[in-house]
Amino acid sequence: MASTNPLQFIQQVRAEVAKVVWPTRREVLLTTVMVFIMATLTAIFFALVDLLIRSGLEGLLGLF
């Protein structure tokens, strides 16, 4: 394995970081809002499924 001196390493790291495309503030805000919306919808969905299963089991066990 070839070893590089610290100066070359730092130059290579700076070159790679310069290639990164950073998101705009608007993109970050939109994706954050979408994550919160999807998390809320998922929580509501699973709450409804839980309620349905619980009601079904209570009805089924109430027969015995």
PDB file of N, CA and C in Angstrom:
ATOM      1  N   MET A   1       0.840  -1.171   0.000  1.00  0.00           N
ATOM      2  CA  MET A   1       0.000   0.000   0.000  1.00  0.00           C
ATOM      3  C   MET A   1       0.893   1.244   0.000  1.00  0.00           C
ATOM      4  N   ALA A   2       0.636   2.137  -0.932  1.00  0.00           N
ATOM      5  CA  ALA A   2       1.446   3.344  -1.054  1.00  0.00           C
ATOM      6  C   ALA A   2       1.078   4.329   0.044  1.00  0.00           C
ATOM      7  N   SER A   3       2.088   4.949   0.613  1.00  0.00           N
ATOM      8  CA  SER A   3       1.810   5.932   1.653  1.00  0.00           C
ATOM      9  C   SER A   3       1.951   7.336   1.062  1.00  0.00           C
ATOM     10  N   THR A   4       1.067   8.215   1.503  1.00  0.00           N
ATOM     11  CA  THR A   4       1.113   9.600   1.052  1.00  0.00           C
ATOM     12  C   THR A   4       1.463  10.476   2.228  1.00  0.00           C
ATOM     13  N   ASN A   5       2.144  11.534   1.925  1.00  0.00           N
ATOM     14  CA  ASN A   5       2.476  12.432   3.027  1.00  0.00           C
ATOM     15  C   ASN A   5       1.249  13.268   3.385  1.00  0.00           C
ATOM     16  N   PRO A   6       1.238  13.842   4.563  1.00  0.00           N
ATOM     17  CA  PRO A   6       0.056  14.579   5.024  1.00  0.00           C
ATOM     18  C   PRO A   6      -0.353  15.729   4.098  1.00  0.00           C
ATOM     19  N   LEU A   7       0.586  16.398   3.476  1.00  0.00           N
ATOM     20  CA  LEU A   7       0.258  17.519   2.593  1.00  0.00           C
ATOM     21  C   LEU A   7      -0.505  17.027   1.363  1.00  0.00           C
ATOM     22  N   GLN A   8      -0.063  15.940   0.764  1.00  0.00           N
ATOM     23  CA  GLN A   8      -0.766  15.374  -0.384  1.00  0.00           C
ATOM     24  C   GLN A   8      -2.165  14.910   0.014  1.00  0.00           C
ATOM     25  N   PHE A   9      -2.265  14.314   1.180  1.00  0.00           N
ATOM     26  CA  PHE A   9      -3.557  13.845   1.655  1.00  0.00           C
ATOM     27  C   PHE A   9      -4.547  15.003   1.795  1.00  0.00           C
ATOM     28  N   ILE A  10      -4.108  16.091   2.405  1.00  0.00           N
ATOM     29  CA  ILE A  10      -4.974  17.252   2.583  1.00  0.00           C
ATOM     30  C   ILE A  10      -5.376  17.830   1.235  1.00  0.00           C
ATOM     31  N   GLN A  11      -4.461  17.868   0.279  1.00  0.00           N
ATOM     32  CA  GLN A  11      -4.781  18.372  -1.057  1.00  0.00           C
ATOM     33  C   GLN A  11      -5.828  17.477  -1.730  1.00  0.00           C
ATOM     34  N   GLN A  12      -5.687  16.179  -1.581  1.00  0.00           N
ATOM     35  CA  GLN A  12      -6.647  15.251  -2.174  1.00  0.00           C
ATOM     36  C   GLN A  12      -8.028  15.392  -1.519  1.00  0.00           C
ATOM     37  N   VAL A  13      -8.042  15.566  -0.221  1.00  0.00           N
ATOM     38  CA  VAL A  13      -9.313  15.737   0.490  1.00  0.00           C
ATOM     39  C   VAL A  13      -9.996  17.018   0.032  1.00  0.00           C
ATOM     40  N   ARG A  14      -9.242  18.093  -0.095  1.00  0.00           N
ATOM     41  CA  ARG A  14      -9.835  19.366  -0.552  1.00  0.00           C
ATOM     42  C   ARG A  14     -10.369  19.240  -1.968  1.00  0.00           C
ATOM     43  N   ALA A  15      -9.672  18.499  -2.825  1.00  0.00           N
ATOM     44  CA  ALA A  15     -10.134  18.301  -4.207  1.00  0.00           C
ATOM     45  C   ALA A  15     -11.440  17.512  -4.227  1.00  0.00           C
ATOM     46  N   GLU A  16     -11.556  16.511  -3.372  1.00  0.00           N
ATOM     47  CA  GLU A  16     -12.780  15.711  -3.328  1.00  0.00           C
ATOM     48  C   GLU A  16     -13.949  16.509  -2.750  1.00  0.00           C
ATOM     49  N   VAL A  17     -13.692  17.290  -1.716  1.00  0.00           N
ATOM     50  CA  VAL A  17     -14.745  18.100  -1.108  1.00  0.00           C
ATOM     51  C   VAL A  17     -15.247  19.150  -2.096  1.00  0.00           C
ATOM     52  N   ALA A  18     -14.378  19.646  -2.949  1.00  0.00           N
ATOM     53  CA  ALA A  18     -14.784  20.644  -3.951  1.00  0.00           C
ATOM     54  C   ALA A  18     -15.752  20.044  -4.971  1.00  0.00           C
ATOM     55  N   LYS A  19     -15.747  18.721  -5.139  1.00  0.00           N
ATOM     56  CA  LYS A  19     -16.641  18.058  -6.090  1.00  0.00           C
ATOM     57  C   LYS A  19     -18.046  17.858  -5.529  1.00  0.00           C
ATOM     58  N   VAL A  20     -18.214  18.009  -4.224  1.00  0.00           N
ATOM     59  CA  VAL A  20     -19.500  17.761  -3.585  1.00  0.00           C
ATOM     60  C   VAL A  20     -20.490  18.844  -3.990  1.00  0.00           C
ATOM     61  N   VAL A  21     -21.718  18.414  -4.334  1.00  0.00           N
ATOM     62  CA  VAL A  21     -22.787  19.363  -4.656  1.00  0.00           C
ATOM     63  C   VAL A  21     -23.665  19.483  -3.421  1.00  0.00           C
ATOM     64  N   TRP A  22     -23.620  20.637  -2.772  1.00  0.00           N
ATOM     65  CA  TRP A  22     -24.352  20.835  -1.538  1.00  0.00           C
ATOM     66  C   TRP A  22     -25.775  21.275  -1.856  1.00  0.00           C
ATOM     67  N   PRO A  23     -26.775  20.798  -1.099  1.00  0.00           N
ATOM     68  CA  PRO A  23     -28.164  21.202  -1.348  1.00  0.00           C
ATOM     69  C   PRO A  23     -28.397  22.650  -0.937  1.00  0.00           C
ATOM     70  N   THR A  24     -29.372  23.271  -1.589  1.00  0.00           N
ATOM     71  CA  THR A  24     -29.721  24.642  -1.226  1.00  0.00           C
ATOM     72  C   THR A  24     -30.570  24.622   0.037  1.00  0.00           C
ATOM     73  N   ARG A  25     -30.736  25.788   0.633  1.00  0.00           N
ATOM     74  CA  ARG A  25     -31.552  25.886   1.842  1.00  0.00           C
ATOM     75  C   ARG A  25     -32.987  25.462   1.549  1.00  0.00           C
ATOM     76  N   ARG A  26     -33.499  25.814   0.369  1.00  0.00           N
ATOM     77  CA  ARG A  26     -34.875  25.452  -0.016  1.00  0.00           C
ATOM     78  C   ARG A  26     -35.017  23.935  -0.144  1.00  0.00           C
ATOM     79  N   GLU A  27     -34.027  23.280  -0.752  1.00  0.00           N
ATOM     80  CA  GLU A  27     -34.075  21.818  -0.892  1.00  0.00           C
ATOM     81  C   GLU A  27     -34.076  21.133   0.475  1.00  0.00           C
ATOM     82  N   VAL A  28     -33.256  21.621   1.372  1.00  0.00           N
ATOM     83  CA  VAL A  28     -33.192  21.045   2.723  1.00  0.00           C
ATOM     84  C   VAL A  28     -34.522  21.237   3.434  1.00  0.00           C
ATOM     85  N   LEU A  29     -35.101  22.435   3.324  1.00  0.00           N
ATOM     86  CA  LEU A  29     -36.378  22.706   3.972  1.00  0.00           C
ATOM     87  C   LEU A  29     -37.475  21.806   3.407  1.00  0.00           C
ATOM     88  N   LEU A  30     -37.547  21.677   2.083  1.00  0.00           N
ATOM     89  CA  LEU A  30     -38.581  20.850   1.466  1.00  0.00           C
ATOM     90  C   LEU A  30     -38.447  19.378   1.853  1.00  0.00           C
ATOM     91  N   THR A  31     -37.237  18.857   1.829  1.00  0.00           N
ATOM     92  CA  THR A  31     -37.068  17.451   2.186  1.00  0.00           C
ATOM     93  C   THR A  31     -37.363  17.212   3.670  1.00  0.00           C
ATOM     94  N   THR A  32     -37.029  18.171   4.520  1.00  0.00           N
ATOM     95  CA  THR A  32     -37.338  18.041   5.946  1.00  0.00           C
ATOM     96  C   THR A  32     -38.843  18.018   6.168  1.00  0.00           C
ATOM     97  N   VAL A  33     -39.562  18.915   5.500  1.00  0.00           N
ATOM     98  CA  VAL A  33     -41.025  18.947   5.623  1.00  0.00           C
ATOM     99  C   VAL A  33     -41.618  17.639   5.112  1.00  0.00           C
ATOM    100  N   MET A  34     -41.111  17.129   3.994  1.00  0.00           N
ATOM    101  CA  MET A  34     -41.626  15.875   3.452  1.00  0.00           C
ATOM    102  C   MET A  34     -41.381  14.710   4.413  1.00  0.00           C
ATOM    103  N   VAL A  35     -40.255  14.685   5.077  1.00  0.00           N
ATOM    104  CA  VAL A  35     -39.974  13.625   6.052  1.00  0.00           C
ATOM    105  C   VAL A  35     -40.976  13.687   7.205  1.00  0.00           C
ATOM    106  N   PHE A  36     -41.261  14.890   7.707  1.00  0.00           N
ATOM    107  CA  PHE A  36     -42.234  15.025   8.789  1.00  0.00           C
ATOM    108  C   PHE A  36     -43.631  14.605   8.341  1.00  0.00           C
ATOM    109  N   ILE A  37     -44.014  14.975   7.130  1.00  0.00           N
ATOM    110  CA  ILE A  37     -45.329  14.591   6.611  1.00  0.00           C
ATOM    111  C   ILE A  37     -45.429  13.071   6.481  1.00  0.00           C
ATOM    112  N   MET A  38     -44.420  12.451   5.897  1.00  0.00           N
ATOM    113  CA  MET A  38     -44.443  10.998   5.718  1.00  0.00           C
ATOM    114  C   MET A  38     -44.420  10.274   7.066  1.00  0.00           C
ATOM    115  N   ALA A  39     -43.676  10.783   8.024  1.00  0.00           N
ATOM    116  CA  ALA A  39     -43.645  10.162   9.357  1.00  0.00           C
ATOM    117  C   ALA A  39     -45.011  10.258  10.025  1.00  0.00           C
ATOM    118  N   THR A  40     -45.690  11.396   9.860  1.00  0.00           N
ATOM    119  CA  THR A  40     -47.024  11.568  10.428  1.00  0.00           C
ATOM    120  C   THR A  40     -48.024  10.627   9.774  1.00  0.00           C
ATOM    121  N   LEU A  41     -47.985  10.538   8.440  1.00  0.00           N
ATOM    122  CA  LEU A  41     -48.897   9.641   7.737  1.00  0.00           C
ATOM    123  C   LEU A  41     -48.653   8.183   8.117  1.00  0.00           C
ATOM    124  N   THR A  42     -47.408   7.810   8.273  1.00  0.00           N
ATOM    125  CA  THR A  42     -47.080   6.440   8.673  1.00  0.00           C
ATOM    126  C   THR A  42     -47.580   6.152  10.084  1.00  0.00           C
ATOM    127  N   ALA A  43     -47.411   7.110  10.988  1.00  0.00           N
ATOM    128  CA  ALA A  43     -47.888   6.930  12.360  1.00  0.00           C
ATOM    129  C   ALA A  43     -49.406   6.784  12.389  1.00  0.00           C
ATOM    130  N   ILE A  44     -50.116   7.588  11.609  1.00  0.00           N
ATOM    131  CA  ILE A  44     -51.581   7.488  11.557  1.00  0.00           C
ATOM    132  C   ILE A  44     -51.997   6.128  10.996  1.00  0.00           C
ATOM    133  N   PHE A  45     -51.333   5.696   9.924  1.00  0.00           N
ATOM    134  CA  PHE A  45     -51.655   4.404   9.322  1.00  0.00           C
ATOM    135  C   PHE A  45     -51.500   3.268  10.327  1.00  0.00           C
ATOM    136  N   PHE A  46     -50.364   3.223  11.018  1.00  0.00           N
ATOM    137  CA  PHE A  46     -50.138   2.135  11.962  1.00  0.00           C
ATOM    138  C   PHE A  46     -51.051   2.234  13.180  1.00  0.00           C
ATOM    139  N   ALA A  47     -51.437   3.439  13.575  1.00  0.00           N
ATOM    140  CA  ALA A  47     -52.394   3.583  14.672  1.00  0.00           C
ATOM    141  C   ALA A  47     -53.748   3.011  14.263  1.00  0.00           C
ATOM    142  N   LEU A  48     -54.170   3.274  13.032  1.00  0.00           N
ATOM    143  CA  LEU A  48     -55.446   2.727  12.554  1.00  0.00           C
ATOM    144  C   LEU A  48     -55.397   1.203  12.426  1.00  0.00           C
ATOM    145  N   VAL A  49     -54.285   0.674  11.929  1.00  0.00           N
ATOM    146  CA  VAL A  49     -54.140  -0.780  11.824  1.00  0.00           C
ATOM    147  C   VAL A  49     -54.159  -1.405  13.216  1.00  0.00           C
ATOM    148  N   ASP A  50     -53.483  -0.782  14.157  1.00  0.00           N
ATOM    149  CA  ASP A  50     -53.470  -1.281  15.534  1.00  0.00           C
ATOM    150  C   ASP A  50     -54.877  -1.275  16.123  1.00  0.00           C
ATOM    151  N   LEU A  51     -55.622  -0.195  15.894  1.00  0.00           N
ATOM    152  CA  LEU A  51     -56.995  -0.100  16.394  1.00  0.00           C
ATOM    153  C   LEU A  51     -57.870  -1.194  15.783  1.00  0.00           C
ATOM    154  N   LEU A  52     -57.719  -1.430  14.488  1.00  0.00           N
ATOM    155  CA  LEU A  52     -58.499  -2.458  13.799  1.00  0.00           C
ATOM    156  C   LEU A  52     -58.181  -3.847  14.348  1.00  0.00           C
ATOM    157  N   ILE A  53     -56.922  -4.156  14.509  1.00  0.00           N
ATOM    158  CA  ILE A  53     -56.525  -5.472  15.027  1.00  0.00           C
ATOM    159  C   ILE A  53     -57.006  -5.647  16.471  1.00  0.00           C
ATOM    160  N   ARG A  54     -56.850  -4.586  17.277  1.00  0.00           N
ATOM    161  CA  ARG A  54     -57.287  -4.676  18.670  1.00  0.00           C
ATOM    162  C   ARG A  54     -58.792  -4.886  18.765  1.00  0.00           C
ATOM    163  N   SER A  55     -59.552  -4.155  17.967  1.00  0.00           N
ATOM    164  CA  SER A  55     -61.009  -4.310  17.974  1.00  0.00           C
ATOM    165  C   SER A  55     -61.404  -5.718  17.530  1.00  0.00           C
ATOM    166  N   GLY A  56     -60.749  -6.222  16.501  1.00  0.00           N
ATOM    167  CA  GLY A  56     -61.033  -7.571  16.023  1.00  0.00           C
ATOM    168  C   GLY A  56     -60.737  -8.625  17.071  1.00  0.00           C
ATOM    169  N   LEU A  57     -59.605  -8.496  17.736  1.00  0.00           N
ATOM    170  CA  LEU A  57     -59.250  -9.474  18.775  1.00  0.00           C
ATOM    171  C   LEU A  57     -60.189  -9.386  19.973  1.00  0.00           C
ATOM    172  N   GLU A  58     -60.555  -8.167  20.371  1.00  0.00           N
ATOM    173  CA  GLU A  58     -61.481  -8.029  21.496  1.00  0.00           C
ATOM    174  C   GLU A  58     -62.841  -8.636  21.146  1.00  0.00           C
ATOM    175  N   GLY A  59     -63.295  -8.435  19.910  1.00  0.00           N
ATOM    176  CA  GLY A  59     -64.558  -9.038  19.474  1.00  0.00           C
ATOM    177  C   GLY A  59     -64.483 -10.544  19.435  1.00  0.00           C
ATOM    178  N   LEU A  60     -63.370 -11.062  18.937  1.00  0.00           N
ATOM    179  CA  LEU A  60     -63.180 -12.499  18.844  1.00  0.00           C
ATOM    180  C   LEU A  60     -63.086 -13.138  20.244  1.00  0.00           C
ATOM    181  N   LEU A  61     -62.306 -12.515  21.120  1.00  0.00           N
ATOM    182  CA  LEU A  61     -62.167 -13.076  22.468  1.00  0.00           C
ATOM    183  C   LEU A  61     -63.429 -12.874  23.300  1.00  0.00           C
ATOM    184  N   GLY A  62     -64.258 -11.874  22.946  1.00  0.00           N
ATOM    185  CA  GLY A  62     -65.513 -11.657  23.662  1.00  0.00           C
ATOM    186  C   GLY A  62     -66.528 -12.742  23.411  1.00  0.00           C
ATOM    187  N   LEU A  63     -66.336 -13.492  22.321  1.00  0.00           N
ATOM    188  CA  LEU A  63     -67.263 -14.590  22.011  1.00  0.00           C
ATOM    189  C   LEU A  63     -67.071 -15.788  22.933  1.00  0.00           C
ATOM    190  N   PHE A  64     -65.899 -15.875  23.537  1.00  0.00           N
ATOM    191  CA  PHE A  64     -65.593 -17.054  24.378  1.00  0.00           C
ATOM    192  C   PHE A  64     -65.845 -16.756  25.838  1.00  0.00           C
TER     193      PHE A  64
END
